[in-house]
N, C-alpha and C. Protein backbone atom coordinates (compact mmCIF):
# COMPACT_ATOMS: atom_id res chain seq x y z
N UNK A 1 62.25 152.42 78.70
CA UNK A 1 61.88 151.16 78.10
C UNK A 1 61.86 151.33 76.58
N UNK A 2 62.42 150.34 75.91
CA UNK A 2 62.47 150.39 74.45
C UNK A 2 61.20 149.80 73.86
N UNK A 3 60.61 150.55 72.99
CA UNK A 3 59.45 150.07 72.26
C UNK A 3 59.80 150.06 70.78
N UNK A 4 58.91 149.51 70.00
CA UNK A 4 59.17 149.43 68.56
C UNK A 4 59.38 150.82 67.96
N UNK A 5 58.59 151.80 68.40
CA UNK A 5 58.71 153.16 67.88
C UNK A 5 60.06 153.78 68.21
N UNK A 6 60.53 153.58 69.45
CA UNK A 6 61.82 154.18 69.82
C UNK A 6 62.98 153.46 69.14
N UNK A 7 62.86 152.17 68.94
CA UNK A 7 63.91 151.44 68.23
C UNK A 7 63.99 151.93 66.79
N UNK A 8 62.84 152.11 66.15
CA UNK A 8 62.84 152.59 64.77
C UNK A 8 63.35 154.02 64.67
N UNK A 9 63.12 154.83 65.71
CA UNK A 9 63.64 156.19 65.70
C UNK A 9 65.15 156.18 65.84
N UNK A 10 65.68 155.32 66.69
CA UNK A 10 67.13 155.25 66.90
C UNK A 10 67.83 154.58 65.73
N UNK A 11 67.19 153.58 65.14
CA UNK A 11 67.77 152.83 64.03
C UNK A 11 66.80 152.86 62.86
N UNK A 12 66.87 153.89 62.01
CA UNK A 12 65.90 154.01 60.91
C UNK A 12 65.93 152.82 59.95
N UNK A 13 67.06 152.15 59.85
CA UNK A 13 67.13 151.03 58.91
C UNK A 13 66.26 149.85 59.36
N UNK A 14 65.86 149.82 60.64
CA UNK A 14 64.99 148.75 61.13
C UNK A 14 63.52 149.07 60.94
N UNK A 15 63.22 150.27 60.48
CA UNK A 15 61.84 150.67 60.28
C UNK A 15 61.22 149.88 59.15
N UNK A 16 59.96 149.45 59.30
CA UNK A 16 59.31 148.72 58.20
C UNK A 16 59.13 149.58 56.96
N UNK A 17 59.13 150.92 57.14
CA UNK A 17 59.01 151.82 55.99
C UNK A 17 60.30 151.89 55.19
N UNK A 18 61.40 151.50 55.79
CA UNK A 18 62.71 151.58 55.13
C UNK A 18 63.06 150.20 54.61
N UNK A 19 62.75 149.96 53.36
CA UNK A 19 63.01 148.64 52.76
C UNK A 19 64.14 148.79 51.75
N UNK A 20 65.37 148.77 52.22
CA UNK A 20 66.52 148.92 51.34
C UNK A 20 67.10 147.53 51.07
N UNK A 21 66.98 147.06 49.87
CA UNK A 21 67.50 145.75 49.48
C UNK A 21 68.56 145.95 48.41
N UNK A 22 69.71 146.43 48.80
CA UNK A 22 70.77 146.67 47.84
C UNK A 22 70.42 147.85 46.96
N UNK A 23 70.43 147.67 45.66
CA UNK A 23 70.13 148.75 44.74
C UNK A 23 68.64 148.85 44.43
N UNK A 24 67.82 148.00 45.04
CA UNK A 24 66.39 148.02 44.82
C UNK A 24 65.71 148.54 46.08
N UNK A 25 64.89 149.54 45.95
CA UNK A 25 64.23 150.11 47.11
C UNK A 25 63.20 149.14 47.68
N UNK A 26 62.33 148.61 46.85
CA UNK A 26 61.31 147.68 47.31
C UNK A 26 61.11 146.62 46.23
N UNK A 27 61.67 145.43 46.40
CA UNK A 27 61.56 144.42 45.35
C UNK A 27 60.12 143.98 45.13
N UNK A 28 59.81 143.72 43.87
CA UNK A 28 58.46 143.27 43.51
C UNK A 28 58.24 141.84 43.97
N UNK A 29 57.00 141.42 43.86
CA UNK A 29 56.64 140.05 44.24
C UNK A 29 57.40 139.05 43.37
N UNK A 30 57.53 139.34 42.08
CA UNK A 30 58.22 138.41 41.19
C UNK A 30 59.71 138.31 41.52
N UNK A 31 60.32 139.41 41.93
CA UNK A 31 61.73 139.35 42.35
C UNK A 31 61.87 138.54 43.63
N UNK A 32 60.93 138.71 44.52
CA UNK A 32 60.97 137.92 45.76
C UNK A 32 60.74 136.43 45.47
N UNK A 33 59.82 136.14 44.56
CA UNK A 33 59.61 134.74 44.16
C UNK A 33 60.87 134.17 43.51
N UNK A 34 61.52 134.97 42.67
CA UNK A 34 62.76 134.54 42.03
C UNK A 34 63.78 134.11 43.09
N UNK A 35 64.00 134.97 44.06
CA UNK A 35 64.96 134.65 45.11
C UNK A 35 64.54 133.47 45.97
N UNK A 36 63.27 133.42 46.31
CA UNK A 36 62.77 132.32 47.14
C UNK A 36 62.87 130.99 46.42
N UNK A 37 62.45 130.96 45.16
CA UNK A 37 62.53 129.72 44.38
C UNK A 37 63.97 129.25 44.23
N UNK A 38 64.88 130.18 43.99
CA UNK A 38 66.29 129.80 43.82
C UNK A 38 66.88 129.24 45.11
N UNK A 39 66.58 129.87 46.22
CA UNK A 39 67.10 129.37 47.50
C UNK A 39 66.56 127.97 47.78
N UNK A 40 65.26 127.78 47.60
CA UNK A 40 64.67 126.45 47.84
C UNK A 40 65.25 125.43 46.86
N UNK A 41 65.36 125.81 45.59
CA UNK A 41 65.85 124.88 44.58
C UNK A 41 67.29 124.45 44.87
N UNK A 42 68.16 125.42 45.17
CA UNK A 42 69.58 125.10 45.26
C UNK A 42 70.05 124.70 46.64
N UNK A 43 69.53 125.34 47.67
CA UNK A 43 69.98 124.97 49.02
C UNK A 43 69.26 123.74 49.55
N UNK A 44 68.08 123.48 49.07
CA UNK A 44 67.34 122.33 49.57
C UNK A 44 67.38 121.16 48.59
N UNK A 45 66.70 121.30 47.44
CA UNK A 45 66.55 120.17 46.53
C UNK A 45 67.87 119.74 45.88
N UNK A 46 68.66 120.70 45.40
CA UNK A 46 69.91 120.32 44.75
C UNK A 46 70.88 119.70 45.76
N UNK A 47 70.92 120.26 46.95
CA UNK A 47 71.80 119.70 47.97
C UNK A 47 71.39 118.28 48.34
N UNK A 48 70.09 118.04 48.46
CA UNK A 48 69.62 116.68 48.74
C UNK A 48 69.94 115.73 47.59
N UNK A 49 69.71 116.19 46.36
CA UNK A 49 70.01 115.35 45.20
C UNK A 49 71.48 114.99 45.10
N UNK A 50 72.34 115.97 45.36
CA UNK A 50 73.79 115.69 45.34
C UNK A 50 74.18 114.74 46.45
N UNK A 51 73.61 114.91 47.63
CA UNK A 51 73.92 114.04 48.76
C UNK A 51 73.50 112.60 48.48
N UNK A 52 72.31 112.42 47.94
CA UNK A 52 71.83 111.08 47.62
C UNK A 52 72.75 110.43 46.59
N UNK A 53 73.12 111.17 45.54
CA UNK A 53 73.96 110.60 44.49
C UNK A 53 75.36 110.29 45.00
N UNK A 54 75.85 111.12 45.89
CA UNK A 54 77.23 110.91 46.35
C UNK A 54 77.35 109.84 47.43
N UNK A 55 76.45 109.86 48.41
CA UNK A 55 76.64 109.01 49.58
C UNK A 55 75.76 107.76 49.61
N UNK A 56 74.71 107.70 48.81
CA UNK A 56 73.82 106.55 48.88
C UNK A 56 73.85 105.68 47.63
N UNK A 57 74.72 106.01 46.70
CA UNK A 57 74.80 105.25 45.45
C UNK A 57 75.16 103.79 45.69
N UNK A 58 76.03 103.54 46.64
CA UNK A 58 76.48 102.16 46.89
C UNK A 58 75.64 101.44 47.94
N UNK A 59 74.86 102.19 48.72
CA UNK A 59 74.09 101.53 49.79
C UNK A 59 72.62 101.33 49.44
N UNK A 60 72.05 102.18 48.61
CA UNK A 60 70.64 102.07 48.26
C UNK A 60 70.46 101.35 46.92
N UNK A 61 71.06 100.20 46.77
CA UNK A 61 70.98 99.48 45.50
C UNK A 61 70.06 98.26 45.56
N UNK A 62 69.76 97.76 46.74
CA UNK A 62 68.94 96.54 46.85
C UNK A 62 67.48 96.79 46.54
N UNK A 63 66.92 97.88 47.05
CA UNK A 63 65.51 98.21 46.78
C UNK A 63 65.39 98.99 45.50
N UNK A 64 64.30 98.72 44.78
CA UNK A 64 64.08 99.44 43.53
C UNK A 64 62.67 99.99 43.47
N UNK A 65 62.55 101.17 42.89
CA UNK A 65 61.26 101.79 42.57
C UNK A 65 61.21 101.97 41.07
N UNK A 66 60.15 101.49 40.46
CA UNK A 66 59.94 101.63 39.02
C UNK A 66 61.13 101.11 38.21
N UNK A 67 61.73 100.03 38.68
CA UNK A 67 62.82 99.39 37.95
C UNK A 67 64.16 100.08 38.05
N UNK A 68 64.32 101.01 38.97
CA UNK A 68 65.61 101.70 39.14
C UNK A 68 65.98 101.67 40.62
N UNK A 69 67.28 101.69 40.90
CA UNK A 69 67.71 101.70 42.30
C UNK A 69 67.12 102.90 43.05
N UNK A 70 66.95 102.71 44.34
CA UNK A 70 66.31 103.72 45.18
C UNK A 70 67.03 105.07 45.12
N UNK A 71 68.37 105.05 45.09
CA UNK A 71 69.11 106.31 45.08
C UNK A 71 68.85 107.09 43.80
N UNK A 72 68.73 106.43 42.66
CA UNK A 72 68.46 107.13 41.40
C UNK A 72 67.04 107.72 41.44
N UNK A 73 66.11 106.97 41.99
CA UNK A 73 64.73 107.44 42.09
C UNK A 73 64.67 108.76 42.87
N UNK A 74 65.28 108.80 44.06
CA UNK A 74 65.26 110.02 44.86
C UNK A 74 66.11 111.13 44.24
N UNK A 75 67.24 110.78 43.66
CA UNK A 75 68.09 111.76 42.99
C UNK A 75 67.29 112.46 41.88
N UNK A 76 66.55 111.70 41.11
CA UNK A 76 65.77 112.30 40.02
C UNK A 76 64.64 113.18 40.55
N UNK A 77 63.97 112.74 41.60
CA UNK A 77 62.88 113.54 42.17
C UNK A 77 63.43 114.89 42.65
N UNK A 78 64.52 114.86 43.40
CA UNK A 78 65.10 116.10 43.93
C UNK A 78 65.59 117.00 42.80
N UNK A 79 66.21 116.41 41.79
CA UNK A 79 66.75 117.23 40.70
C UNK A 79 65.65 117.77 39.79
N UNK A 80 64.57 117.03 39.62
CA UNK A 80 63.44 117.55 38.84
C UNK A 80 62.81 118.72 39.60
N UNK A 81 62.72 118.62 40.91
CA UNK A 81 62.20 119.74 41.71
C UNK A 81 63.12 120.95 41.58
N UNK A 82 64.43 120.74 41.62
CA UNK A 82 65.38 121.84 41.45
C UNK A 82 65.24 122.45 40.06
N UNK A 83 65.14 121.62 39.05
CA UNK A 83 65.00 122.09 37.66
C UNK A 83 63.71 122.90 37.50
N UNK A 84 62.62 122.41 38.06
CA UNK A 84 61.33 123.09 37.94
C UNK A 84 61.35 124.45 38.64
N UNK A 85 61.87 124.49 39.86
CA UNK A 85 61.93 125.76 40.58
C UNK A 85 62.89 126.75 39.92
N UNK A 86 64.00 126.25 39.39
CA UNK A 86 64.93 127.13 38.69
C UNK A 86 64.29 127.72 37.44
N UNK A 87 63.58 126.89 36.69
CA UNK A 87 62.89 127.37 35.49
C UNK A 87 61.82 128.40 35.86
N UNK A 88 61.03 128.11 36.89
CA UNK A 88 60.00 129.06 37.33
C UNK A 88 60.64 130.37 37.79
N UNK A 89 61.76 130.26 38.45
CA UNK A 89 62.46 131.45 38.93
C UNK A 89 62.96 132.32 37.78
N UNK A 90 63.52 131.69 36.76
CA UNK A 90 64.00 132.43 35.59
C UNK A 90 62.83 133.11 34.88
N UNK A 91 61.71 132.40 34.77
CA UNK A 91 60.52 133.00 34.14
C UNK A 91 60.04 134.20 34.95
N UNK A 92 60.02 134.08 36.27
CA UNK A 92 59.59 135.20 37.13
C UNK A 92 60.45 136.43 36.92
N UNK A 93 61.76 136.26 36.89
CA UNK A 93 62.64 137.43 36.80
C UNK A 93 62.61 138.04 35.40
N UNK A 94 62.46 137.22 34.36
CA UNK A 94 62.38 137.76 32.99
C UNK A 94 61.07 138.53 32.82
N UNK A 95 59.98 138.01 33.36
CA UNK A 95 58.69 138.71 33.27
C UNK A 95 58.77 140.03 34.04
N UNK A 96 59.41 140.00 35.21
CA UNK A 96 59.49 141.21 36.02
C UNK A 96 60.38 142.27 35.40
N UNK A 97 61.54 141.88 34.90
CA UNK A 97 62.48 142.86 34.36
C UNK A 97 62.18 143.24 32.92
N UNK A 98 61.46 142.37 32.20
CA UNK A 98 61.11 142.57 30.80
C UNK A 98 62.31 142.64 29.87
N UNK A 99 63.48 142.45 30.38
CA UNK A 99 64.70 142.43 29.57
C UNK A 99 65.80 141.73 30.37
N UNK A 100 66.83 141.32 29.70
CA UNK A 100 67.95 140.69 30.38
C UNK A 100 69.09 141.69 30.39
N UNK A 101 69.48 142.10 31.58
CA UNK A 101 70.57 143.06 31.71
C UNK A 101 71.90 142.31 31.71
N UNK A 102 72.94 142.97 31.20
CA UNK A 102 74.22 142.29 31.04
C UNK A 102 75.17 142.43 32.20
N UNK A 103 74.67 142.39 33.44
CA UNK A 103 75.60 142.44 34.57
C UNK A 103 75.92 141.03 35.04
N UNK A 104 76.87 140.93 35.95
CA UNK A 104 77.44 139.63 36.34
C UNK A 104 76.39 138.65 36.86
N UNK A 105 75.46 139.14 37.68
CA UNK A 105 74.46 138.24 38.25
C UNK A 105 73.62 137.59 37.15
N UNK A 106 73.21 138.38 36.17
CA UNK A 106 72.38 137.85 35.08
C UNK A 106 73.17 136.89 34.20
N UNK A 107 74.41 137.23 33.90
CA UNK A 107 75.23 136.38 33.02
C UNK A 107 75.51 135.03 33.69
N UNK A 108 75.94 135.06 34.93
CA UNK A 108 76.23 133.80 35.63
C UNK A 108 74.93 133.03 35.88
N UNK A 109 73.85 133.74 36.18
CA UNK A 109 72.56 133.07 36.39
C UNK A 109 72.07 132.36 35.14
N UNK A 110 72.16 133.02 34.00
CA UNK A 110 71.72 132.39 32.74
C UNK A 110 72.65 131.24 32.34
N UNK A 111 73.95 131.40 32.61
CA UNK A 111 74.89 130.30 32.34
C UNK A 111 74.52 129.08 33.20
N UNK A 112 74.23 129.32 34.46
CA UNK A 112 73.80 128.24 35.35
C UNK A 112 72.52 127.60 34.84
N UNK A 113 71.58 128.42 34.37
CA UNK A 113 70.31 127.90 33.86
C UNK A 113 70.53 127.01 32.65
N UNK A 114 71.42 127.41 31.75
CA UNK A 114 71.71 126.58 30.56
C UNK A 114 72.30 125.24 31.01
N UNK A 115 73.22 125.27 31.98
CA UNK A 115 73.81 124.02 32.48
C UNK A 115 72.75 123.15 33.13
N UNK A 116 71.85 123.77 33.89
CA UNK A 116 70.77 123.02 34.54
C UNK A 116 69.84 122.41 33.50
N UNK A 117 69.60 123.13 32.43
CA UNK A 117 68.71 122.64 31.39
C UNK A 117 69.31 121.43 30.67
N UNK A 118 70.65 121.40 30.52
CA UNK A 118 71.35 120.30 29.84
C UNK A 118 71.44 119.05 30.74
N UNK A 119 71.48 119.25 32.04
CA UNK A 119 71.72 118.15 32.97
C UNK A 119 70.79 116.94 32.82
N UNK A 120 69.48 117.11 32.75
CA UNK A 120 68.63 115.92 32.62
C UNK A 120 68.90 115.13 31.35
N UNK A 121 69.24 115.82 30.28
CA UNK A 121 69.55 115.14 29.02
C UNK A 121 70.78 114.26 29.19
N UNK A 122 71.83 114.82 29.80
CA UNK A 122 73.04 114.04 30.04
C UNK A 122 72.78 112.90 31.02
N UNK A 123 71.98 113.17 32.04
CA UNK A 123 71.69 112.13 33.04
C UNK A 123 70.94 110.96 32.44
N UNK A 124 69.97 111.24 31.60
CA UNK A 124 69.20 110.16 30.97
C UNK A 124 70.03 109.43 29.93
N UNK A 125 70.83 110.16 29.17
CA UNK A 125 71.63 109.52 28.13
C UNK A 125 72.73 108.64 28.71
N UNK A 126 73.25 109.02 29.87
CA UNK A 126 74.34 108.24 30.46
C UNK A 126 73.91 107.28 31.53
N UNK A 127 72.61 106.98 31.61
CA UNK A 127 72.14 106.12 32.70
C UNK A 127 72.01 104.66 32.33
N UNK A 128 72.51 104.25 31.19
CA UNK A 128 72.43 102.85 30.80
C UNK A 128 73.28 101.96 31.71
N UNK A 129 72.92 100.71 31.78
CA UNK A 129 73.63 99.80 32.66
C UNK A 129 74.95 99.31 32.06
N UNK A 130 75.11 99.45 30.75
CA UNK A 130 76.34 99.01 30.11
C UNK A 130 77.47 99.98 30.46
N UNK A 131 78.67 99.46 30.52
CA UNK A 131 79.85 100.28 30.81
C UNK A 131 80.57 100.62 29.51
N UNK A 132 79.84 101.15 28.57
CA UNK A 132 80.43 101.54 27.30
C UNK A 132 81.12 102.88 27.46
N UNK A 133 82.12 103.10 26.63
CA UNK A 133 82.91 104.33 26.73
C UNK A 133 82.06 105.60 26.56
N UNK A 134 81.16 105.68 25.57
CA UNK A 134 80.36 106.91 25.46
C UNK A 134 79.51 107.18 26.70
N UNK A 135 78.96 106.13 27.31
CA UNK A 135 78.14 106.33 28.51
C UNK A 135 78.99 106.80 29.68
N UNK A 136 80.21 106.29 29.79
CA UNK A 136 81.12 106.74 30.85
C UNK A 136 81.46 108.21 30.66
N UNK A 137 81.67 108.62 29.42
CA UNK A 137 81.97 110.03 29.14
C UNK A 137 80.77 110.90 29.48
N UNK A 138 79.56 110.45 29.13
CA UNK A 138 78.35 111.21 29.47
C UNK A 138 78.17 111.32 30.97
N UNK A 139 78.47 110.26 31.70
CA UNK A 139 78.36 110.31 33.17
C UNK A 139 79.35 111.31 33.75
N UNK A 140 80.58 111.31 33.23
CA UNK A 140 81.59 112.26 33.71
C UNK A 140 81.15 113.68 33.39
N UNK A 141 80.63 113.91 32.19
CA UNK A 141 80.12 115.24 31.83
C UNK A 141 78.96 115.65 32.75
N UNK A 142 78.08 114.70 33.04
CA UNK A 142 76.95 114.96 33.92
C UNK A 142 77.43 115.42 35.30
N UNK A 143 78.43 114.75 35.83
CA UNK A 143 78.97 115.10 37.14
C UNK A 143 79.67 116.46 37.09
N UNK A 144 80.52 116.67 36.09
CA UNK A 144 81.27 117.93 35.99
C UNK A 144 80.34 119.13 35.78
N UNK A 145 79.39 119.00 34.88
CA UNK A 145 78.46 120.10 34.63
C UNK A 145 77.58 120.34 35.85
N UNK A 146 77.18 119.27 36.53
CA UNK A 146 76.38 119.42 37.75
C UNK A 146 77.13 120.16 38.83
N UNK A 147 78.39 119.82 39.06
CA UNK A 147 79.19 120.52 40.07
C UNK A 147 79.44 121.97 39.67
N UNK A 148 79.68 122.20 38.39
CA UNK A 148 79.88 123.57 37.90
C UNK A 148 78.63 124.41 38.13
N UNK A 149 77.47 123.87 37.80
CA UNK A 149 76.21 124.60 38.01
C UNK A 149 75.99 124.87 39.50
N UNK A 150 76.31 123.90 40.35
CA UNK A 150 76.13 124.07 41.80
C UNK A 150 77.04 125.17 42.33
N UNK A 151 78.28 125.20 41.87
CA UNK A 151 79.22 126.23 42.31
C UNK A 151 78.77 127.60 41.83
N UNK A 152 78.36 127.70 40.56
CA UNK A 152 77.88 128.98 40.04
C UNK A 152 76.62 129.45 40.77
N UNK A 153 75.71 128.53 41.04
CA UNK A 153 74.48 128.91 41.76
C UNK A 153 74.81 129.35 43.18
N UNK A 154 75.73 128.66 43.82
CA UNK A 154 76.14 129.04 45.17
C UNK A 154 76.77 130.42 45.19
N UNK A 155 77.52 130.74 44.16
CA UNK A 155 78.13 132.06 44.05
C UNK A 155 77.07 133.13 43.88
N UNK A 156 75.99 132.80 43.18
CA UNK A 156 74.91 133.78 42.95
C UNK A 156 74.07 133.98 44.20
N UNK A 157 74.03 133.00 45.10
CA UNK A 157 73.25 133.14 46.32
C UNK A 157 73.92 134.05 47.33
N UNK A 158 75.22 134.26 47.19
CA UNK A 158 75.92 135.11 48.17
C UNK A 158 75.85 136.56 47.84
């Protein structure tokens, strides 16, 4: 009969004492928070925000909350949650590492963070009801930068 002890003896990597997480033997609480916050921010809140903006823009226009269509209201809530968790995650990892290392994960992660930080500014600036050329350009930039940040974040999650 297999018990936990015999399984751990046969497969040492399944032992609770063997915590191998890539190049880190035992990640700190802040590193775990960094990863957890990023997964929740990007796989949950950002995905919901993108879905609302893409598929409900034309259908959720009749009801309004705080003077804005329902889809914009929910899009903003989800994206603010993503922005907040991403910012908290970056703070956690910088505090934990005490420095920014120049490897690919850090470079792409910080690039994504800069894009995420710019997004609300572009979203607010391009949200006017007029169809003026500068606002159309800001909306296009908002969409392109948002998709770029989503792709980069997805690449970092793998």
